[in-house]
Amino acid sequence: MTTVSDLMTRGVRTLTPADTVTSAARAMDELNVGVIPVCDGEKLVGMVTDRDIVVRGVAQELDAKTTDLSDLMSTNVRTARENEDVDEVLSEMAESQIRRLPVVDDQDRLVGIISLGDIAAKDPDKDADVAASLGNISLPAEPDRSNQSRTSGEADGSSATGKPPRKQRG
């Protein structure tokens, strides 16, 4: 069995809830990524994406220089565990239309991120599964416009598939 730990990216850059939207955008630009975990110490408390910045920040005319990430980050974040089977995680990513998941240890400390790209690059046997997952992710979905909930799923806490969110921490 291939585990998440075998394929994930370690040493992930994080920000804090008090960091500004501008600092998140600069970090994303510097690292060429579209998502950054938000941590309080080592504990994952949210995720901020480039989409969060646009939809919950720019479109709402928030001042990026003074707005804290805590005001627009997703807080109800799905995660994976280091010891989980990659096949199970890949299936959940496809069902939930998620391209990447933060990885936490048994104490809920952030230890990395696993992405569809990690799986495809490091386990060529999974190419067909990754392609199917990407196909599912590319299907149209209703946008979550409820910035009151600030979750990575639907406003009621369910996923886009109607299932309850998977392994929420925090």
C-alpha atoms as a PDB file:
ATOM      1  CA  MET A   1       0.000   0.000   0.000  1.00  0.00           C
ATOM      2  CA  THR A   2       1.273   3.429  -0.918  1.00  0.00           C
ATOM      3  CA  THR A   3       0.601   5.948   1.829  1.00  0.00           C
ATOM      4  CA  VAL A   4       0.121   9.692   1.712  1.00  0.00           C
ATOM      5  CA  SER A   5       3.466  10.076   3.498  1.00  0.00           C
ATOM      6  CA  ASP A   6       5.209   8.337   0.592  1.00  0.00           C
ATOM      7  CA  LEU A   7       4.059  10.925  -1.967  1.00  0.00           C
ATOM      8  CA  MET A   8       3.294  14.187  -0.163  1.00  0.00           C
ATOM      9  CA  THR A   9       5.296  17.395  -0.342  1.00  0.00           C
ATOM     10  CA  ARG A  10       6.969  18.253   2.964  1.00  0.00           C
ATOM     11  CA  GLY A  11       8.308  21.553   4.260  1.00  0.00           C
ATOM     12  CA  VAL A  12       5.280  23.510   3.115  1.00  0.00           C
ATOM     13  CA  ARG A  13       5.315  27.272   3.611  1.00  0.00           C
ATOM     14  CA  THR A  14       2.584  28.505   5.937  1.00  0.00           C
ATOM     15  CA  LEU A  15       1.095  31.808   6.994  1.00  0.00           C
ATOM     16  CA  THR A  16      -0.749  32.860  10.157  1.00  0.00           C
ATOM     17  CA  PRO A  17      -4.338  34.097  10.523  1.00  0.00           C
ATOM     18  CA  ALA A  18      -2.935  37.582  11.279  1.00  0.00           C
ATOM     19  CA  ASP A  19      -0.966  37.762   8.015  1.00  0.00           C
ATOM     20  CA  THR A  20      -2.500  39.997   5.369  1.00  0.00           C
ATOM     21  CA  VAL A  21      -4.063  39.110   2.059  1.00  0.00           C
ATOM     22  CA  THR A  22      -1.187  40.945   0.374  1.00  0.00           C
ATOM     23  CA  SER A  23       1.361  38.712   2.125  1.00  0.00           C
ATOM     24  CA  ALA A  24      -0.552  35.634   0.959  1.00  0.00           C
ATOM     25  CA  ALA A  25      -0.659  36.861  -2.634  1.00  0.00           C
ATOM     26  CA  ARG A  26       3.069  37.633  -2.563  1.00  0.00           C
ATOM     27  CA  ALA A  27       3.870  34.206  -1.107  1.00  0.00           C
ATOM     28  CA  MET A  28       1.752  32.514  -3.784  1.00  0.00           C
ATOM     29  CA  ASP A  29       3.546  34.506  -6.475  1.00  0.00           C
ATOM     30  CA  GLU A  30       6.980  33.724  -5.032  1.00  0.00           C
ATOM     31  CA  LEU A  31       6.247  30.005  -4.678  1.00  0.00           C
ATOM     32  CA  ASN A  32       4.153  29.700  -7.857  1.00  0.00           C
ATOM     33  CA  VAL A  33       1.289  28.064  -5.940  1.00  0.00           C
ATOM     34  CA  GLY A  34      -2.423  28.738  -5.622  1.00  0.00           C
ATOM     35  CA  VAL A  35      -2.919  27.703  -2.003  1.00  0.00           C
ATOM     36  CA  ILE A  36      -1.151  28.240   1.296  1.00  0.00           C
ATOM     37  CA  PRO A  37      -1.982  26.600   4.629  1.00  0.00           C
ATOM     38  CA  VAL A  38      -2.737  28.929   7.523  1.00  0.00           C
ATOM     39  CA  CYS A  39      -1.406  27.729  10.871  1.00  0.00           C
ATOM     40  CA  ASP A  40      -1.444  28.805  14.489  1.00  0.00           C
ATOM     41  CA  GLY A  41       1.934  27.433  15.516  1.00  0.00           C
ATOM     42  CA  GLU A  42       2.023  23.953  13.962  1.00  0.00           C
ATOM     43  CA  LYS A  43      -1.766  23.519  14.044  1.00  0.00           C
ATOM     44  CA  LEU A  44      -3.621  23.912  10.758  1.00  0.00           C
ATOM     45  CA  VAL A  45      -6.449  26.432  11.209  1.00  0.00           C
ATOM     46  CA  GLY A  46      -7.318  27.162   7.581  1.00  0.00           C
ATOM     47  CA  MET A  47      -6.302  27.403   3.956  1.00  0.00           C
ATOM     48  CA  VAL A  48      -6.208  30.411   1.674  1.00  0.00           C
ATOM     49  CA  THR A  49      -6.433  30.035  -2.086  1.00  0.00           C
ATOM     50  CA  ASP A  50      -5.991  32.428  -4.952  1.00  0.00           C
ATOM     51  CA  ARG A  51      -9.732  32.033  -5.502  1.00  0.00           C
ATOM     52  CA  ASP A  52     -10.438  33.063  -1.876  1.00  0.00           C
ATOM     53  CA  ILE A  53      -8.419  36.213  -2.489  1.00  0.00           C
ATOM     54  CA  VAL A  54     -10.376  37.058  -5.632  1.00  0.00           C
ATOM     55  CA  VAL A  55     -13.903  36.056  -4.573  1.00  0.00           C
ATOM     56  CA  ARG A  56     -13.842  36.903  -0.871  1.00  0.00           C
ATOM     57  CA  GLY A  57     -11.327  39.734  -1.037  1.00  0.00           C
ATOM     58  CA  VAL A  58     -11.098  41.638  -4.307  1.00  0.00           C
ATOM     59  CA  ALA A  59     -14.748  41.127  -5.315  1.00  0.00           C
ATOM     60  CA  GLN A  60     -15.845  42.331  -1.871  1.00  0.00           C
ATOM     61  CA  GLU A  61     -13.528  45.348  -2.190  1.00  0.00           C
ATOM     62  CA  LEU A  62     -11.528  44.455   0.925  1.00  0.00           C
ATOM     63  CA  ASP A  63      -8.196  46.229   1.409  1.00  0.00           C
ATOM     64  CA  ALA A  64      -5.584  43.531   0.795  1.00  0.00           C
ATOM     65  CA  LYS A  65      -2.954  45.434   2.781  1.00  0.00           C
ATOM     66  CA  THR A  66      -5.026  45.539   5.964  1.00  0.00           C
ATOM     67  CA  THR A  67      -7.321  42.501   5.704  1.00  0.00           C
ATOM     68  CA  ASP A  68      -6.169  39.528   7.773  1.00  0.00           C
ATOM     69  CA  LEU A  69      -6.303  36.039   6.316  1.00  0.00           C
ATOM     70  CA  SER A  70      -8.653  35.099   9.154  1.00  0.00           C
ATOM     71  CA  ASP A  71     -11.265  37.261   7.400  1.00  0.00           C
ATOM     72  CA  LEU A  72     -11.327  35.231   4.183  1.00  0.00           C
ATOM     73  CA  MET A  73      -9.554  31.894   4.606  1.00  0.00           C
ATOM     74  CA  SER A  74     -11.432  28.604   4.483  1.00  0.00           C
ATOM     75  CA  THR A  75     -11.601  27.253   8.015  1.00  0.00           C
ATOM     76  CA  ASN A  76     -13.491  23.994   7.665  1.00  0.00           C
ATOM     77  CA  VAL A  77     -10.641  22.269   5.842  1.00  0.00           C
ATOM     78  CA  ARG A  78     -10.573  18.675   4.705  1.00  0.00           C
ATOM     79  CA  THR A  79      -7.303  16.930   5.514  1.00  0.00           C
ATOM     80  CA  ALA A  80      -5.467  13.678   4.934  1.00  0.00           C
ATOM     81  CA  ARG A  81      -3.426  11.684   7.439  1.00  0.00           C
ATOM     82  CA  GLU A  82       0.164  10.648   6.761  1.00  0.00           C
ATOM     83  CA  ASN A  83      -0.637   6.940   7.056  1.00  0.00           C
ATOM     84  CA  GLU A  84      -3.736   6.928   4.813  1.00  0.00           C
ATOM     85  CA  ASP A  85      -3.865   4.845   1.651  1.00  0.00           C
ATOM     86  CA  VAL A  86      -3.310   7.063  -1.396  1.00  0.00           C
ATOM     87  CA  ASP A  87      -6.091   5.273  -3.298  1.00  0.00           C
ATOM     88  CA  GLU A  88      -8.648   6.275  -0.651  1.00  0.00           C
ATOM     89  CA  VAL A  89      -7.403   9.864  -0.592  1.00  0.00           C
ATOM     90  CA  LEU A  90      -7.425  10.054  -4.397  1.00  0.00           C
ATOM     91  CA  SER A  91     -11.014   8.809  -4.459  1.00  0.00           C
ATOM     92  CA  GLU A  92     -12.055  11.435  -1.898  1.00  0.00           C
ATOM     93  CA  MET A  93     -10.264  14.159  -3.845  1.00  0.00           C
ATOM     94  CA  ALA A  94     -12.175  13.178  -6.995  1.00  0.00           C
ATOM     95  CA  GLU A  95     -15.544  12.992  -5.232  1.00  0.00           C
ATOM     96  CA  SER A  96     -15.017  16.329  -3.483  1.00  0.00           C
ATOM     97  CA  GLN A  97     -13.432  18.046  -6.507  1.00  0.00           C
ATOM     98  CA  ILE A  98     -10.267  18.899  -4.569  1.00  0.00           C
ATOM     99  CA  ARG A  99      -6.818  19.056  -6.193  1.00  0.00           C
ATOM    100  CA  ARG A 100      -4.778  19.143  -3.004  1.00  0.00           C
ATOM    101  CA  LEU A 101      -5.167  18.299   0.670  1.00  0.00           C
ATOM    102  CA  PRO A 102      -3.137  19.392   3.670  1.00  0.00           C
ATOM    103  CA  VAL A 103      -1.623  16.435   5.512  1.00  0.00           C
ATOM    104  CA  VAL A 104      -1.649  16.272   9.301  1.00  0.00           C
ATOM    105  CA  ASP A 105      -0.069  13.893  11.793  1.00  0.00           C
ATOM    106  CA  ASP A 106      -1.751  12.171  14.733  1.00  0.00           C
ATOM    107  CA  GLN A 107      -1.567  15.412  16.750  1.00  0.00           C
ATOM    108  CA  ASP A 108      -3.233  17.382  13.918  1.00  0.00           C
ATOM    109  CA  ARG A 109       0.011  19.215  13.126  1.00  0.00           C
ATOM    110  CA  LEU A 110       0.560  20.162   9.497  1.00  0.00           C
ATOM    111  CA  VAL A 111       3.280  17.960   8.002  1.00  0.00           C
ATOM    112  CA  GLY A 112       2.756  18.510   4.282  1.00  0.00           C
ATOM    113  CA  ILE A 113       0.396  18.712   1.327  1.00  0.00           C
ATOM    114  CA  ILE A 114      -0.595  16.037  -1.147  1.00  0.00           C
ATOM    115  CA  SER A 115      -1.751  17.051  -4.593  1.00  0.00           C
ATOM    116  CA  LEU A 116      -2.902  15.247  -7.688  1.00  0.00           C
ATOM    117  CA  GLY A 117       0.397  16.374  -9.215  1.00  0.00           C
ATOM    118  CA  ASP A 118       2.367  14.688  -6.408  1.00  0.00           C
ATOM    119  CA  ILE A 119       0.510  11.444  -7.012  1.00  0.00           C
ATOM    120  CA  ALA A 120       0.961  11.552 -10.793  1.00  0.00           C
ATOM    121  CA  ALA A 121       4.643  12.525 -10.642  1.00  0.00           C
ATOM    122  CA  LYS A 122       5.703  10.075  -7.954  1.00  0.00           C
ATOM    123  CA  ASP A 123       3.458   7.089  -8.742  1.00  0.00           C
ATOM    124  CA  PRO A 124       3.075   6.635 -12.523  1.00  0.00           C
ATOM    125  CA  ASP A 125       0.825   3.615 -11.944  1.00  0.00           C
ATOM    126  CA  LYS A 126      -1.838   6.061 -10.741  1.00  0.00           C
ATOM    127  CA  ASP A 127      -1.881   8.190 -13.922  1.00  0.00           C
ATOM    128  CA  ALA A 128      -5.294   6.884 -15.031  1.00  0.00           C
ATOM    129  CA  ASP A 129      -6.761   7.493 -11.567  1.00  0.00           C
ATOM    130  CA  VAL A 130      -5.337  11.013 -11.471  1.00  0.00           C
ATOM    131  CA  ALA A 131      -6.701  11.726 -14.958  1.00  0.00           C
ATOM    132  CA  ALA A 132     -10.153  10.543 -13.860  1.00  0.00           C
ATOM    133  CA  SER A 133      -9.935  12.708 -10.747  1.00  0.00           C
ATOM    134  CA  LEU A 134      -8.978  15.753 -12.798  1.00  0.00           C
ATOM    135  CA  GLY A 135     -11.872  15.055 -15.141  1.00  0.00           C
ATOM    136  CA  ASN A 136     -14.261  15.011 -12.193  1.00  0.00           C
ATOM    137  CA  ILE A 137     -12.746  18.176 -10.733  1.00  0.00           C
ATOM    138  CA  SER A 138     -13.219  19.913 -14.071  1.00  0.00           C
ATOM    139  CA  LEU A 139     -16.979  19.290 -14.061  1.00  0.00           C
ATOM    140  CA  PRO A 140     -19.012  22.430 -13.395  1.00  0.00           C
ATOM    141  CA  ALA A 141     -20.043  22.957  -9.804  1.00  0.00           C
ATOM    142  CA  GLU A 142     -22.074  25.611  -8.069  1.00  0.00           C
ATOM    143  CA  PRO A 143     -19.739  28.220  -6.555  1.00  0.00           C
ATOM    144  CA  ASP A 144     -19.752  28.669  -2.787  1.00  0.00           C
ATOM    145  CA  ARG A 145     -20.656  32.327  -2.511  1.00  0.00           C
ATOM    146  CA  SER A 146     -21.413  32.228   1.200  1.00  0.00           C
ATOM    147  CA  ASN A 147     -18.360  33.856   2.689  1.00  0.00           C
ATOM    148  CA  GLN A 148     -20.156  33.701   6.035  1.00  0.00           C
ATOM    149  CA  SER A 149     -19.444  29.967   6.234  1.00  0.00           C
ATOM    150  CA  ARG A 150     -15.826  30.263   5.021  1.00  0.00           C
ATOM    151  CA  THR A 151     -15.657  26.499   4.474  1.00  0.00           C
ATOM    152  CA  SER A 152     -14.092  24.475   1.734  1.00  0.00           C
ATOM    153  CA  GLY A 153     -17.403  22.660   1.191  1.00  0.00           C
ATOM    154  CA  GLU A 154     -21.013  23.730   0.931  1.00  0.00           C
ATOM    155  CA  ALA A 155     -22.599  26.307   3.233  1.00  0.00           C
ATOM    156  CA  ASP A 156     -24.251  23.566   5.297  1.00  0.00           C
ATOM    157  CA  GLY A 157     -20.896  21.833   5.832  1.00  0.00           C
ATOM    158  CA  SER A 158     -21.565  19.043   3.338  1.00  0.00           C
ATOM    159  CA  SER A 159     -19.372  18.370   0.352  1.00  0.00           C
ATOM    160  CA  ALA A 160     -20.402  18.945  -3.242  1.00  0.00           C
ATOM    161  CA  THR A 161     -21.431  15.273  -3.326  1.00  0.00           C
ATOM    162  CA  GLY A 162     -23.872  15.705  -0.440  1.00  0.00           C
ATOM    163  CA  LYS A 163     -21.667  13.676   1.872  1.00  0.00           C
ATOM    164  CA  PRO A 164     -20.529  15.122   5.169  1.00  0.00           C
ATOM    165  CA  PRO A 165     -17.067  16.674   5.021  1.00  0.00           C
ATOM    166  CA  ARG A 166     -14.159  14.316   5.473  1.00  0.00           C
ATOM    167  CA  LYS A 167     -11.895  14.500   8.517  1.00  0.00           C
ATOM    168  CA  GLN A 168     -12.314  18.074   9.555  1.00  0.00           C
ATOM    169  CA  ARG A 169      -9.946  19.378  12.163  1.00  0.00           C
ATOM    170  CA  GLY A 170      -9.916  22.413  14.237  1.00  0.00           C
END
